[in-house]
Amino acid sequence: MNEKKKVIVGIGEILWDMLPTGKALGGAPANFAYHAKRLGEDGWAVSAIGNDALGREIMDIVMEKGLRNLISVTSRPTGTVEVSLDAQGVPSYNIKEDVAWDNIPFTPEMSALASRADAVCFGSLVQRAYSRESVHRFLCAMRPDALRVFDINLRQHYYSREIIETSLKLSDILKINDEEIRIVANLFDLPGDDTAVCRALIARYDLRLVILTRGADGSEVITADEAIPQAVGHVEVVDTVGAGDAFTAAFIVAYLRGASLTDAQRLANETAAYVCSHKGAMPL
C-alpha cells in the first residue's frame, strides 16, 4: 500500500508581477505548494483573487498546473506588483495595497484543511493587512504536531518587529536569507554573526531549526547544537524566480519524510537548481 501523501499548504499572496517585458505570476505560497505537489505530496495554495480578468488568468494557470487550492474570489482587485527598471537595470517595486490577497477570508473549508495539514508555510508580506488574522486562525486550527514554517520574505516596508515576533512564536522552522538575517539582528538587537543570531532566535522562540540561504554561496541548516553548511553546484541559470520557494518546499517535503537534515538540504539545493535552470517559478 502506498504511504498517504502529506498535506502541505502555502498560505498568502498570489499576484501578478507587472514587468517591463510583460506580466508573470508571482506569490511565494503558490510556488511553495506547487513544488510540494511536484515532489509527490498533496500541495495546496490558499489565497484570494479579484472577480476580474487578472484573477481568472491566475485560476487558469493554477488549474493548468493541477494545483489544489482554496483561492477565494473577493470584491477587491487581484494583486499586482509594478516592477520598473532604472538606467542601470536595477528593479524597484510597487506592491499594490488593499488587493484581494490582503483580504483572504477564513472559511470553513480553510478550517477543515488546517485540521488535516501536515505542514504550512507562510510569510510576513501577507500579514500587512486583514489577511493576518486569517493566517493566524489557520495556524491555530492545525494539529499540535503539524509543522509551521515561517519563510520570512521581508518586502519593502511591509514588516515590523511585532509581526516577525508573533510569527516566530507560532512557528517551528524559520527560513531566512543572508540579507534578512541582518535586518532581524538589528530589529531584535542580536549580536554576533549570522549563525549566532540564528541560534539566539532558536533559543528565544523554541524553534526546531533555522534554514539560512545565501544564494550562490549555498545554505546552512542551524539547530541548537549543529550548523550544517552545504554548497551549491554549478548551475546554468536561466531564471532565479521562485528558486527560494522551491528550496523551502523540497526541504520540508524531505523533512516530513524523515530524511536527515543533510539529505533534506541536498534535495532542496537540487530542486532550487532545477528551477534556476528553467524559465518561470513553476516549471514542469
Protein backbone atom coordinates (compact mmCIF):
# COMPACT_ATOMS: atom_id res chain seq x y z
CA MET A 1 0.00 0.00 0.00
CA ASN A 2 1.30 3.45 -0.87
CA GLU A 3 2.01 5.77 2.04
CA LYS A 4 -0.54 8.54 2.36
CA LYS A 5 0.60 11.83 0.85
CA LYS A 6 1.48 14.68 3.19
CA VAL A 7 -0.86 17.68 3.08
CA ILE A 8 1.43 20.68 2.58
CA VAL A 9 -0.07 24.18 2.40
CA GLY A 10 1.23 27.55 1.22
CA ILE A 11 -0.91 30.42 2.50
CA GLY A 12 -0.56 34.05 1.48
CA GLU A 13 -0.18 36.31 -1.52
CA ILE A 14 -0.88 35.38 -5.13
CA LEU A 15 -0.38 38.16 -7.65
CA TRP A 16 0.96 39.34 -10.98
CA ASP A 17 4.43 40.85 -11.31
CA MET A 18 3.93 43.55 -13.95
CA LEU A 19 7.35 43.54 -15.60
CA PRO A 20 8.59 45.80 -18.42
CA THR A 21 8.57 42.67 -20.60
CA GLY A 22 5.06 41.61 -19.59
CA LYS A 23 3.34 40.08 -16.58
CA ALA A 24 4.38 36.94 -14.67
CA LEU A 25 2.54 35.01 -11.97
CA GLY A 26 4.02 35.67 -8.53
CA GLY A 27 3.46 34.77 -4.92
CA ALA A 28 5.72 32.61 -2.75
CA PRO A 29 2.96 30.45 -1.16
CA ALA A 30 1.64 29.17 -4.51
CA ASN A 31 5.18 28.44 -5.68
CA PHE A 32 5.82 26.54 -2.44
CA ALA A 33 2.63 24.50 -2.79
CA TYR A 34 3.34 23.72 -6.43
CA HIS A 35 6.78 22.27 -5.69
CA ALA A 36 5.42 20.21 -2.80
CA LYS A 37 2.97 18.76 -5.33
CA ARG A 38 5.66 18.26 -7.99
CA LEU A 39 7.69 16.27 -5.45
CA GLY A 40 4.79 13.90 -4.86
CA GLU A 41 2.91 15.33 -1.90
CA ASP A 42 -0.55 16.91 -1.63
CA GLY A 43 0.25 20.60 -2.17
CA TRP A 44 -2.40 23.28 -1.56
CA ALA A 45 -2.36 27.02 -2.30
CA VAL A 46 -4.52 29.25 -0.10
CA SER A 47 -5.03 32.86 -1.18
CA ALA A 48 -7.54 35.25 -2.79
CA ILE A 49 -8.12 36.88 -6.18
CA GLY A 50 -10.46 39.52 -7.52
CA ASN A 51 -13.51 38.95 -9.68
CA ASP A 52 -11.61 40.27 -12.69
CA ALA A 53 -9.68 39.19 -15.77
CA LEU A 54 -6.37 39.00 -13.89
CA GLY A 55 -7.92 36.72 -11.29
CA ARG A 56 -9.40 34.46 -13.95
CA GLU A 57 -5.99 34.21 -15.60
CA ILE A 58 -4.48 33.13 -12.28
CA MET A 59 -7.09 30.39 -11.91
CA ASP A 60 -6.44 29.22 -15.46
CA ILE A 61 -2.75 28.73 -14.61
CA VAL A 62 -3.49 27.11 -11.25
CA MET A 63 -5.84 24.63 -12.91
CA GLU A 64 -3.40 24.00 -15.77
CA LYS A 65 -0.72 23.16 -13.19
CA GLY A 66 -3.11 20.83 -11.39
CA LEU A 67 -2.55 22.67 -8.11
CA ARG A 68 -5.16 22.06 -5.44
CA ASN A 69 -6.30 25.30 -3.88
CA LEU A 70 -8.61 27.32 -1.72
CA ILE A 71 -8.39 30.60 -3.60
CA SER A 72 -11.31 32.83 -2.66
CA VAL A 73 -12.85 35.39 -5.01
CA THR A 74 -13.21 38.77 -3.28
CA SER A 75 -14.57 42.22 -4.12
CA ARG A 76 -11.01 43.63 -4.13
CA PRO A 77 -8.87 43.61 -7.29
CA THR A 78 -6.37 40.85 -7.98
CA GLY A 79 -2.96 41.76 -6.60
CA THR A 80 -0.26 43.27 -8.79
CA VAL A 81 3.29 44.46 -8.33
CA GLU A 82 4.55 47.21 -10.63
CA VAL A 83 8.19 46.50 -11.47
CA SER A 84 10.28 49.26 -13.04
CA LEU A 85 13.94 49.34 -14.01
CA ASP A 86 16.33 52.28 -13.68
CA ALA A 87 19.03 53.19 -16.20
CA GLN A 88 21.32 50.54 -14.72
CA GLY A 89 18.63 47.86 -14.91
CA VAL A 90 18.09 47.79 -11.13
CA PRO A 91 14.43 46.97 -10.36
CA SER A 92 12.13 48.80 -7.97
CA TYR A 93 8.75 47.53 -6.83
CA ASN A 94 5.35 48.96 -6.02
CA ILE A 95 3.26 46.29 -4.31
CA LYS A 96 -0.35 47.45 -4.70
CA GLU A 97 -2.29 47.68 -1.43
CA ASP A 98 -5.84 46.70 -0.43
CA VAL A 99 -5.97 43.95 -3.02
CA ALA A 100 -7.57 40.50 -2.91
CA TRP A 101 -4.77 38.68 -1.10
CA ASP A 102 -4.81 41.39 1.61
CA ASN A 103 -8.36 40.22 2.33
CA ILE A 104 -8.23 36.42 2.48
CA PRO A 105 -11.38 35.26 4.33
CA PHE A 106 -11.11 32.44 6.85
CA THR A 107 -13.68 29.96 5.60
CA PRO A 108 -14.97 26.62 6.95
CA GLU A 109 -13.06 24.95 4.10
CA MET A 110 -9.84 26.57 5.32
CA SER A 111 -10.51 25.38 8.86
CA ALA A 112 -11.01 21.83 7.59
CA LEU A 113 -7.80 21.99 5.53
CA ALA A 114 -5.86 23.33 8.53
CA SER A 115 -7.05 20.45 10.70
CA ARG A 116 -5.55 17.87 8.34
CA ALA A 117 -2.48 19.77 7.17
CA ASP A 118 0.91 18.22 7.93
CA ALA A 119 2.76 21.47 7.22
CA VAL A 120 2.08 25.08 6.30
CA CYS A 121 4.37 27.79 5.00
CA PHE A 122 3.58 31.49 5.49
CA GLY A 123 5.46 34.78 5.29
CA SER A 124 5.41 38.34 6.56
CA LEU A 125 4.01 40.14 3.50
CA VAL A 126 0.55 38.58 3.73
CA GLN A 127 0.31 39.88 7.30
CA ARG A 128 0.35 43.57 6.35
CA ALA A 129 -3.48 43.80 6.44
CA TYR A 130 -6.66 41.82 7.21
CA SER A 131 -5.26 38.51 5.95
CA ARG A 132 -3.02 38.39 9.01
CA GLU A 133 -5.99 37.31 11.12
CA SER A 134 -6.86 34.52 8.68
CA VAL A 135 -3.27 33.26 8.65
CA HIS A 136 -3.18 33.15 12.45
CA ARG A 137 -6.53 31.37 12.60
CA PHE A 138 -5.25 28.80 10.12
CA LEU A 139 -2.10 28.20 12.20
CA CYS A 140 -4.11 27.82 15.40
CA ALA A 141 -6.53 25.37 13.74
CA MET A 142 -3.69 22.98 12.84
CA ARG A 143 -2.84 19.89 14.86
CA PRO A 144 -0.20 20.45 17.57
CA ASP A 145 2.17 18.03 15.81
CA ALA A 146 1.84 19.73 12.39
CA LEU A 147 4.78 21.77 11.09
CA ARG A 148 4.57 25.56 10.89
CA VAL A 149 7.19 27.15 8.63
CA PHE A 150 7.83 30.90 8.64
CA ASP A 151 9.51 31.83 5.34
CA ILE A 152 10.03 35.42 6.40
CA ASN A 153 10.25 37.04 2.91
CA LEU A 154 10.76 40.65 4.01
CA ARG A 155 9.47 43.03 1.34
CA GLN A 156 9.88 46.81 1.27
CA HIS A 157 8.40 48.33 4.46
CA TYR A 158 5.73 45.65 4.93
CA TYR A 159 7.06 44.15 8.15
CA SER A 160 7.64 45.10 11.77
CA ARG A 161 9.26 43.63 14.84
CA GLU A 162 5.81 42.79 16.18
CA ILE A 163 4.76 40.87 13.04
CA ILE A 164 8.05 38.95 13.00
CA GLU A 165 7.97 38.18 16.71
CA THR A 166 4.37 36.96 16.67
CA SER A 167 5.14 34.77 13.65
CA LEU A 168 8.20 33.26 15.30
CA LYS A 169 6.16 32.39 18.40
CA LEU A 170 3.75 30.47 16.15
CA SER A 171 6.47 28.67 14.17
CA ASP A 172 8.63 25.56 14.31
CA ILE A 173 11.03 26.42 11.49
CA LEU A 174 12.34 29.76 10.21
CA LYS A 175 13.56 30.16 6.62
CA ILE A 176 15.59 33.35 6.10
CA ASN A 177 18.28 34.66 3.74
CA ASP A 178 21.58 36.35 4.47
CA GLU A 179 20.20 39.87 3.90
CA GLU A 180 17.12 39.30 6.03
CA ILE A 181 19.07 37.86 8.97
CA ARG A 182 20.97 41.18 9.29
CA ILE A 183 17.66 43.11 9.32
CA VAL A 184 16.29 40.81 12.02
CA ALA A 185 19.52 41.05 14.02
CA ASN A 186 19.18 44.85 14.04
CA LEU A 187 15.46 44.80 14.86
CA PHE A 188 15.99 42.46 17.80
CA ASP A 189 19.40 43.83 18.84
CA LEU A 190 21.06 40.42 18.50
CA PRO A 191 24.88 40.44 18.40
CA GLY A 192 27.23 38.05 16.59
CA ASP A 193 27.49 36.51 13.16
CA ASP A 194 24.61 35.00 11.18
CA THR A 195 24.87 31.61 12.87
CA ALA A 196 24.90 33.17 16.33
CA VAL A 197 21.80 35.22 15.50
CA CYS A 198 20.01 32.10 14.24
CA ARG A 199 20.88 30.27 17.46
CA ALA A 200 19.61 33.18 19.53
CA LEU A 201 16.28 33.03 17.66
CA ILE A 202 16.09 29.26 18.15
CA ALA A 203 16.58 29.67 21.89
CA ARG A 204 14.23 32.63 22.29
CA TYR A 205 11.34 31.21 20.25
CA ASP A 206 11.85 27.48 20.79
CA LEU A 207 12.39 26.78 17.08
CA ARG A 208 13.40 23.35 15.82
CA LEU A 209 15.82 24.86 13.32
CA VAL A 210 16.63 27.78 11.04
CA ILE A 211 17.29 27.43 7.31
CA LEU A 212 19.68 30.18 6.24
CA THR A 213 20.13 30.63 2.49
CA ARG A 214 22.99 32.56 0.88
CA GLY A 215 22.13 32.47 -2.82
CA ALA A 216 25.03 31.25 -4.93
CA ASP A 217 27.05 30.72 -1.73
CA GLY A 218 24.80 27.87 -0.62
CA SER A 219 22.84 27.38 2.57
CA GLU A 220 23.18 26.40 6.21
CA VAL A 221 20.80 24.47 8.43
CA ILE A 222 21.20 25.56 12.03
CA THR A 223 19.90 23.86 15.16
CA ALA A 224 20.65 24.48 18.82
CA ASP A 225 23.79 22.34 18.57
CA GLU A 226 24.52 21.87 14.85
CA ALA A 227 25.38 24.07 11.87
CA ILE A 228 25.34 22.20 8.56
CA PRO A 229 26.63 24.18 5.57
CA GLN A 230 26.13 22.99 2.02
CA ALA A 231 27.50 24.48 -1.19
CA VAL A 232 25.61 24.88 -4.45
CA GLY A 233 26.87 23.02 -7.51
CA HIS A 234 27.31 24.64 -10.90
CA VAL A 235 24.01 25.72 -12.44
CA GLU A 236 23.30 27.15 -15.88
CA VAL A 237 20.98 29.88 -14.67
CA VAL A 238 18.04 30.78 -16.88
CA ASP A 239 15.77 32.39 -14.29
CA THR A 240 16.08 32.58 -10.48
CA VAL A 241 12.41 33.49 -9.86
CA GLY A 242 10.85 31.11 -7.35
CA ALA A 243 14.07 29.23 -6.55
CA GLY A 244 13.87 30.09 -2.86
CA ASP A 245 10.27 28.86 -2.65
CA ALA A 246 11.26 25.61 -4.37
CA PHE A 247 14.14 25.21 -1.89
CA THR A 248 11.80 25.59 1.07
CA ALA A 249 9.21 23.18 -0.36
CA ALA A 250 11.78 20.48 -1.10
CA PHE A 251 13.37 20.77 2.34
CA ILE A 252 10.00 20.46 4.08
CA VAL A 253 8.96 17.51 1.90
CA ALA A 254 12.17 15.65 2.75
CA TYR A 255 11.97 16.63 6.43
CA LEU A 256 8.42 15.30 6.73
CA ARG A 257 9.54 12.06 5.10
CA GLY A 258 12.12 11.60 7.85
CA ALA A 259 15.26 12.49 5.88
CA SER A 260 18.37 13.70 7.65
CA LEU A 261 18.97 17.45 7.67
CA THR A 262 21.85 16.97 5.23
CA ASP A 263 19.71 14.95 2.82
CA ALA A 264 16.80 17.41 3.12
CA GLN A 265 19.19 20.24 2.33
CA ARG A 266 20.58 18.32 -0.64
CA LEU A 267 17.13 17.79 -2.15
CA ALA A 268 16.36 21.47 -1.54
CA ASN A 269 19.51 22.56 -3.37
CA GLU A 270 18.81 20.20 -6.28
CA THR A 271 15.22 21.44 -6.59
CA ALA A 272 16.24 25.10 -6.47
CA ALA A 273 18.91 24.43 -9.11
CA TYR A 274 16.28 22.78 -11.31
CA VAL A 275 14.08 25.87 -11.07
CA CYS A 276 17.04 28.17 -11.83
CA SER A 277 17.78 26.18 -14.98
CA HIS A 278 14.25 26.71 -16.34
CA LYS A 279 12.11 29.74 -17.09
CA GLY A 280 9.43 30.61 -14.57
CA ALA A 281 8.76 29.69 -10.95
CA MET A 282 6.65 26.61 -11.74
CA PRO A 283 8.44 24.51 -14.37
CA LEU A 284 7.04 21.04 -15.04
